Amino acid sequence: MSAVGNVARVLRLFTAERSLLSVTEVAELLGLPKSSTSRLLKSMSNAGLLANADRSSGYGVGNLIFETSRRHRAHSTLSVLADEVLAGIARSTGHTGYIAIRDGTDILGLRMRPGSKPLRVVTSPGDRLPAFCSSSGRALLARLDDDAVRALHAAPLQPPSPNAPQTTDDLLAALTAVREKGWAQATDEALPGVESLAVCVQDRESGESVAICISYSAAMISANEKSRIVTMLMRAGCEVGMKFDDEYWTAPRFAAFSAPSWNEAA
């Protein structure tokens, strides 16, 4: 693998639970020689990609990553507007909401809006989930054609539960349903006991796509409440999509969701 590829592999090792990594840990996790791993981590530290203030504790994510992330959030008008819309839905429903993007076969959380319900479903911005077994991921994947989805998932799927798509054909069938109705649902798939609903909005000019997602306990949601969340997400998709000339949301079949706006109905 190229040096750039190894840099990406190292950065993906960091999680909310694993904020520091030693040379030995990285070498074992990536299956690389310890000597070349040490040189790689030192080079990444010198470039600002990693921080190594205390060598005995290992390496952490460097300031350059955080600076780049802040610039992305500041200049991504689509994600900013989607987050504003999501905040209103989270306030109205009391459920936790997320803004996510697709990175290869994963989704990456950008923003979170905590809910007010006693039981909250929370993952942190920066966390990753397989796209094929999450509502945000399927909402994002549905914007690709079937050939592109097959190319992304050349290897067999590794479903985390029986409720997730078991094969690529299962995934493609699920994506067809998402394209037809406009929203995606995942129940007890990547996260046990969790159900989520999501829509995807795309900036026609830049090609940037984000998912707007609401999640909650699958056992504590009524049919009426779920229907209300779906309606609010669809209205959010129309509201944001129209501002970014997203042809998917400006289609006549979704006209009923464009007026009144989601916050008037919340």
Protein backbone atom coordinates (compact mmCIF):
# COMPACT_ATOMS: atom_id res chain seq x y z
CA MET A 1 0.00 0.00 0.00
CA SER A 2 1.16 3.58 -0.71
CA ALA A 3 2.44 5.91 2.00
CA VAL A 4 -0.71 8.02 1.68
CA GLY A 5 -2.81 4.89 2.09
CA ASN A 6 -0.97 3.99 5.28
CA VAL A 7 -1.49 7.51 6.62
CA ALA A 8 -5.23 7.12 6.08
CA ARG A 9 -5.19 3.69 7.76
CA VAL A 10 -3.46 5.15 10.82
CA LEU A 11 -5.94 8.01 11.14
CA ARG A 12 -8.88 5.61 10.94
CA LEU A 13 -7.57 3.72 13.97
CA PHE A 14 -8.48 6.60 16.27
CA THR A 15 -11.91 6.41 17.90
CA ALA A 16 -13.65 8.08 20.82
CA GLU A 17 -12.53 5.16 23.01
CA ARG A 18 -9.00 4.97 21.52
CA SER A 19 -7.58 8.49 21.48
CA LEU A 20 -3.93 7.46 21.96
CA LEU A 21 -1.96 4.79 20.16
CA SER A 22 1.59 3.53 20.65
CA VAL A 23 3.93 2.47 17.88
CA THR A 24 3.48 -1.16 18.95
CA GLU A 25 -0.32 -0.92 18.88
CA VAL A 26 -0.37 0.65 15.42
CA ALA A 27 2.08 -1.92 14.07
CA GLU A 28 -0.07 -4.77 15.41
CA LEU A 29 -3.38 -3.31 14.24
CA LEU A 30 -2.11 -2.60 10.73
CA GLY A 31 0.19 -5.61 10.39
CA LEU A 32 3.23 -3.43 9.64
CA PRO A 33 6.86 -3.78 10.80
CA LYS A 34 7.50 -1.82 14.00
CA SER A 35 10.45 0.04 12.49
CA SER A 36 8.53 1.36 9.48
CA THR A 37 5.55 2.13 11.71
CA SER A 38 7.74 4.24 13.96
CA ARG A 39 9.07 6.20 10.98
CA LEU A 40 5.54 6.69 9.62
CA LEU A 41 4.15 7.98 12.92
CA LYS A 42 7.10 10.31 13.39
CA SER A 43 6.62 11.75 9.90
CA MET A 44 2.89 12.22 10.55
CA SER A 45 3.71 13.96 13.82
CA ASN A 46 6.20 16.30 12.11
CA ALA A 47 3.51 17.20 9.55
CA GLY A 48 0.94 17.98 12.25
CA LEU A 49 -1.29 15.00 11.49
CA LEU A 50 -0.44 13.43 14.84
CA ALA A 51 0.51 14.84 18.24
CA ASN A 52 3.18 13.28 20.42
CA ALA A 53 3.48 15.55 23.45
CA ASP A 54 4.13 12.62 25.78
CA ARG A 55 6.03 9.82 24.07
CA SER A 56 5.25 7.38 26.89
CA SER A 57 1.51 7.71 26.20
CA GLY A 58 1.72 7.36 22.44
CA TYR A 59 0.34 9.42 19.58
CA GLY A 60 -2.95 11.28 19.33
CA VAL A 61 -4.69 13.13 16.51
CA GLY A 62 -2.79 16.30 15.59
CA ASN A 63 -3.97 19.89 15.39
CA LEU A 64 -3.89 19.90 11.59
CA ILE A 65 -6.79 17.42 11.53
CA PHE A 66 -8.88 19.59 13.84
CA GLU A 67 -8.03 22.75 11.89
CA THR A 68 -9.03 21.10 8.62
CA SER A 69 -12.24 19.81 10.17
CA ARG A 70 -13.15 23.30 11.41
CA ARG A 71 -12.51 24.77 7.97
CA HIS A 72 -14.72 22.13 6.38
CA ARG A 73 -17.55 22.88 8.78
CA ALA A 74 -17.15 26.61 8.28
CA HIS A 75 -17.23 26.46 4.49
CA SER A 76 -19.72 23.65 3.98
CA THR A 77 -22.86 25.70 3.53
CA LEU A 78 -24.90 22.57 2.85
CA SER A 79 -23.99 20.89 6.14
CA VAL A 80 -24.56 24.15 8.04
CA LEU A 81 -28.07 24.59 6.68
CA ALA A 82 -28.86 20.89 7.12
CA ASP A 83 -27.71 21.18 10.73
CA GLU A 84 -29.99 24.17 11.32
CA VAL A 85 -32.95 22.23 9.99
CA LEU A 86 -31.97 19.17 12.03
CA ALA A 87 -31.82 21.27 15.20
CA GLY A 88 -35.49 22.17 14.77
CA ILE A 89 -36.50 18.55 14.26
CA ALA A 90 -34.50 17.41 17.31
CA ARG A 91 -36.11 20.12 19.46
CA SER A 92 -39.59 19.25 18.26
CA THR A 93 -39.30 15.46 18.59
CA GLY A 94 -36.88 15.20 21.52
CA HIS A 95 -34.84 12.62 19.62
CA THR A 96 -31.13 12.79 18.82
CA GLY A 97 -30.18 13.87 15.31
CA TYR A 98 -27.07 13.59 13.15
CA ILE A 99 -25.55 15.06 10.03
CA ALA A 100 -23.34 12.54 8.24
CA ILE A 101 -21.38 12.14 5.03
CA ARG A 102 -20.22 9.05 3.15
CA ASP A 103 -16.54 8.14 3.09
CA GLY A 104 -16.14 5.13 0.85
CA THR A 105 -18.18 2.31 2.36
CA ASP A 106 -18.53 4.09 5.72
CA ILE A 107 -20.53 7.01 6.99
CA LEU A 108 -18.80 9.66 9.05
CA GLY A 109 -20.72 11.71 11.61
CA LEU A 110 -20.16 15.48 11.24
CA ARG A 111 -22.60 16.98 13.72
CA MET A 112 -24.92 15.83 16.48
CA ARG A 113 -28.03 17.42 17.98
CA PRO A 114 -28.78 15.76 21.36
CA GLY A 115 -32.40 14.94 22.10
CA SER A 116 -34.30 15.70 25.27
CA LYS A 117 -35.92 12.29 25.76
CA PRO A 118 -34.97 10.40 28.95
CA LEU A 119 -33.52 7.61 26.81
CA ARG A 120 -31.10 9.07 24.29
CA VAL A 121 -29.23 7.34 21.49
CA VAL A 122 -25.82 8.94 21.17
CA THR A 123 -22.77 8.38 18.99
CA SER A 124 -20.13 11.04 18.64
CA PRO A 125 -19.19 13.20 15.64
CA GLY A 126 -16.25 11.51 13.97
CA ASP A 127 -17.60 8.01 14.64
CA ARG A 128 -17.90 5.68 11.67
CA LEU A 129 -20.50 3.07 10.76
CA PRO A 130 -20.78 0.82 7.70
CA ALA A 131 -22.99 2.66 5.23
CA PHE A 132 -24.90 -0.40 4.04
CA CYS A 133 -26.43 -1.10 7.48
CA SER A 134 -27.44 2.40 8.56
CA SER A 135 -30.24 4.71 7.48
CA SER A 136 -27.85 7.61 6.80
CA GLY A 137 -25.60 5.32 4.79
CA ARG A 138 -28.40 3.94 2.66
CA ALA A 139 -29.83 7.42 2.10
CA LEU A 140 -26.40 8.47 0.81
CA LEU A 141 -25.76 5.29 -1.18
CA ALA A 142 -29.14 5.65 -2.88
CA ARG A 143 -27.75 8.67 -4.75
CA LEU A 144 -25.33 6.34 -6.58
CA ASP A 145 -26.37 4.05 -9.41
CA ASP A 146 -26.35 0.30 -8.86
CA ASP A 147 -23.07 -0.22 -10.73
CA ALA A 148 -21.31 2.28 -8.47
CA VAL A 149 -22.74 0.59 -5.36
CA ARG A 150 -21.57 -2.82 -6.58
CA ALA A 151 -18.10 -1.41 -7.26
CA LEU A 152 -17.93 -0.02 -3.72
CA HIS A 153 -18.99 -3.34 -2.21
CA ALA A 154 -16.85 -5.70 -4.27
CA ALA A 155 -16.17 -7.78 -1.17
CA PRO A 156 -19.02 -9.71 0.49
CA LEU A 157 -21.01 -7.72 3.05
CA GLN A 158 -20.42 -8.43 6.72
CA PRO A 159 -23.87 -7.80 8.22
CA PRO A 160 -23.79 -6.97 11.95
CA SER A 161 -27.30 -8.39 12.49
CA PRO A 162 -29.96 -10.43 10.67
CA ASN A 163 -31.92 -7.21 10.09
CA ALA A 164 -29.18 -5.67 7.93
CA PRO A 165 -28.83 -6.42 4.19
CA GLN A 166 -27.12 -9.80 3.92
CA THR A 167 -25.90 -9.51 0.33
CA THR A 168 -25.21 -6.80 -2.23
CA ASP A 169 -28.46 -7.73 -3.97
CA ASP A 170 -30.32 -7.17 -0.69
CA LEU A 171 -28.63 -3.79 -0.41
CA LEU A 172 -29.56 -2.80 -3.95
CA ALA A 173 -33.19 -3.75 -3.30
CA ALA A 174 -33.18 -1.59 -0.17
CA LEU A 175 -31.68 1.33 -2.11
CA THR A 176 -34.36 1.05 -4.78
CA ALA A 177 -36.98 1.49 -2.04
CA VAL A 178 -35.14 4.53 -0.66
CA ARG A 179 -35.02 6.17 -4.09
CA GLU A 180 -38.74 5.63 -4.54
CA LYS A 181 -39.96 6.95 -1.19
CA GLY A 182 -37.25 9.50 -0.34
CA TRP A 183 -36.22 8.25 3.11
CA ALA A 184 -34.30 5.35 4.62
CA GLN A 185 -34.92 3.34 7.77
CA ALA A 186 -32.63 1.06 9.75
CA THR A 187 -33.92 -1.00 12.67
CA ASP A 188 -31.66 -2.95 15.01
CA GLU A 189 -28.83 -3.19 12.50
CA ALA A 190 -25.45 -1.54 13.20
CA LEU A 191 -26.58 -0.47 16.69
CA PRO A 192 -28.63 -3.01 18.69
CA GLY A 193 -32.07 -1.77 19.72
CA VAL A 194 -31.74 1.44 17.73
CA GLU A 195 -33.96 2.60 14.91
CA SER A 196 -33.15 5.56 12.69
CA LEU A 197 -34.67 7.48 9.79
CA ALA A 198 -32.71 9.58 7.30
CA VAL A 199 -32.87 11.59 4.10
CA CYS A 200 -30.03 12.73 1.85
CA VAL A 201 -29.57 16.18 0.30
CA GLN A 202 -27.06 17.08 -2.39
CA ASP A 203 -25.52 20.35 -3.55
CA ARG A 204 -25.88 20.15 -7.33
CA GLU A 205 -22.98 22.57 -7.94
CA SER A 206 -20.37 21.00 -5.65
CA GLY A 207 -21.65 17.43 -5.61
CA GLU A 208 -21.48 17.38 -1.80
CA SER A 209 -24.06 15.13 -0.15
CA VAL A 210 -25.14 14.97 3.49
CA ALA A 211 -27.59 12.79 5.37
CA ILE A 212 -30.03 14.21 7.91
CA CYS A 213 -30.86 11.53 10.47
CA ILE A 214 -33.02 11.07 13.57
CA SER A 215 -32.42 8.07 15.86
CA TYR A 216 -34.27 6.64 18.84
CA SER A 217 -35.00 3.45 20.76
CA ALA A 218 -36.78 1.03 18.44
CA ALA A 219 -38.90 -0.27 21.33
CA MET A 220 -40.16 3.14 22.41
CA ILE A 221 -41.54 4.71 19.24
CA SER A 222 -45.19 4.78 18.16
CA ALA A 223 -46.35 4.50 14.57
CA ASN A 224 -47.75 8.03 14.72
CA GLU A 225 -44.51 9.47 16.06
CA LYS A 226 -42.47 7.68 13.40
CA SER A 227 -44.79 8.99 10.69
CA ARG A 228 -44.38 12.52 12.03
CA ILE A 229 -40.58 12.22 11.97
CA VAL A 230 -40.66 10.93 8.39
CA THR A 231 -42.82 13.90 7.36
CA MET A 232 -40.47 16.37 9.04
CA LEU A 233 -37.41 14.79 7.41
CA MET A 234 -39.09 14.85 4.00
CA ARG A 235 -39.97 18.52 4.45
CA ALA A 236 -36.41 19.17 5.54
CA GLY A 237 -35.14 17.43 2.42
CA CYS A 238 -37.34 19.61 0.23
CA GLU A 239 -36.43 22.81 2.06
CA VAL A 240 -32.67 22.27 1.91
CA GLY A 241 -32.73 20.55 -1.48
CA MET A 242 -34.51 23.41 -3.19
CA LYS A 243 -31.92 25.88 -1.91
CA PHE A 244 -29.13 23.76 -3.42
CA ASP A 245 -30.90 22.92 -6.70
CA ASP A 246 -31.08 19.24 -5.79
CA GLU A 247 -33.07 17.76 -8.68
CA TYR A 248 -34.15 14.82 -6.55
CA TRP A 249 -36.07 17.04 -4.12
CA THR A 250 -37.37 19.48 -6.72
CA ALA A 251 -39.21 16.64 -8.52
CA PRO A 252 -43.01 17.12 -8.71
CA ARG A 253 -43.68 13.93 -6.72
CA PHE A 254 -42.34 15.62 -3.58
CA ALA A 255 -44.25 18.88 -4.04
CA ALA A 256 -46.60 18.07 -1.15
CA PHE A 257 -43.67 18.26 1.27
CA SER A 258 -42.48 21.69 0.16
CA ALA A 259 -45.38 23.62 1.73
CA PRO A 260 -45.89 24.28 4.55
CA SER A 261 -42.27 24.13 5.64
CA TRP A 262 -41.24 21.57 8.25
CA ASN A 263 -41.05 24.06 11.13
CA GLU A 264 -44.59 25.27 10.57
CA ALA A 265 -45.79 21.69 10.92
CA ALA A 266 -43.52 20.74 13.83
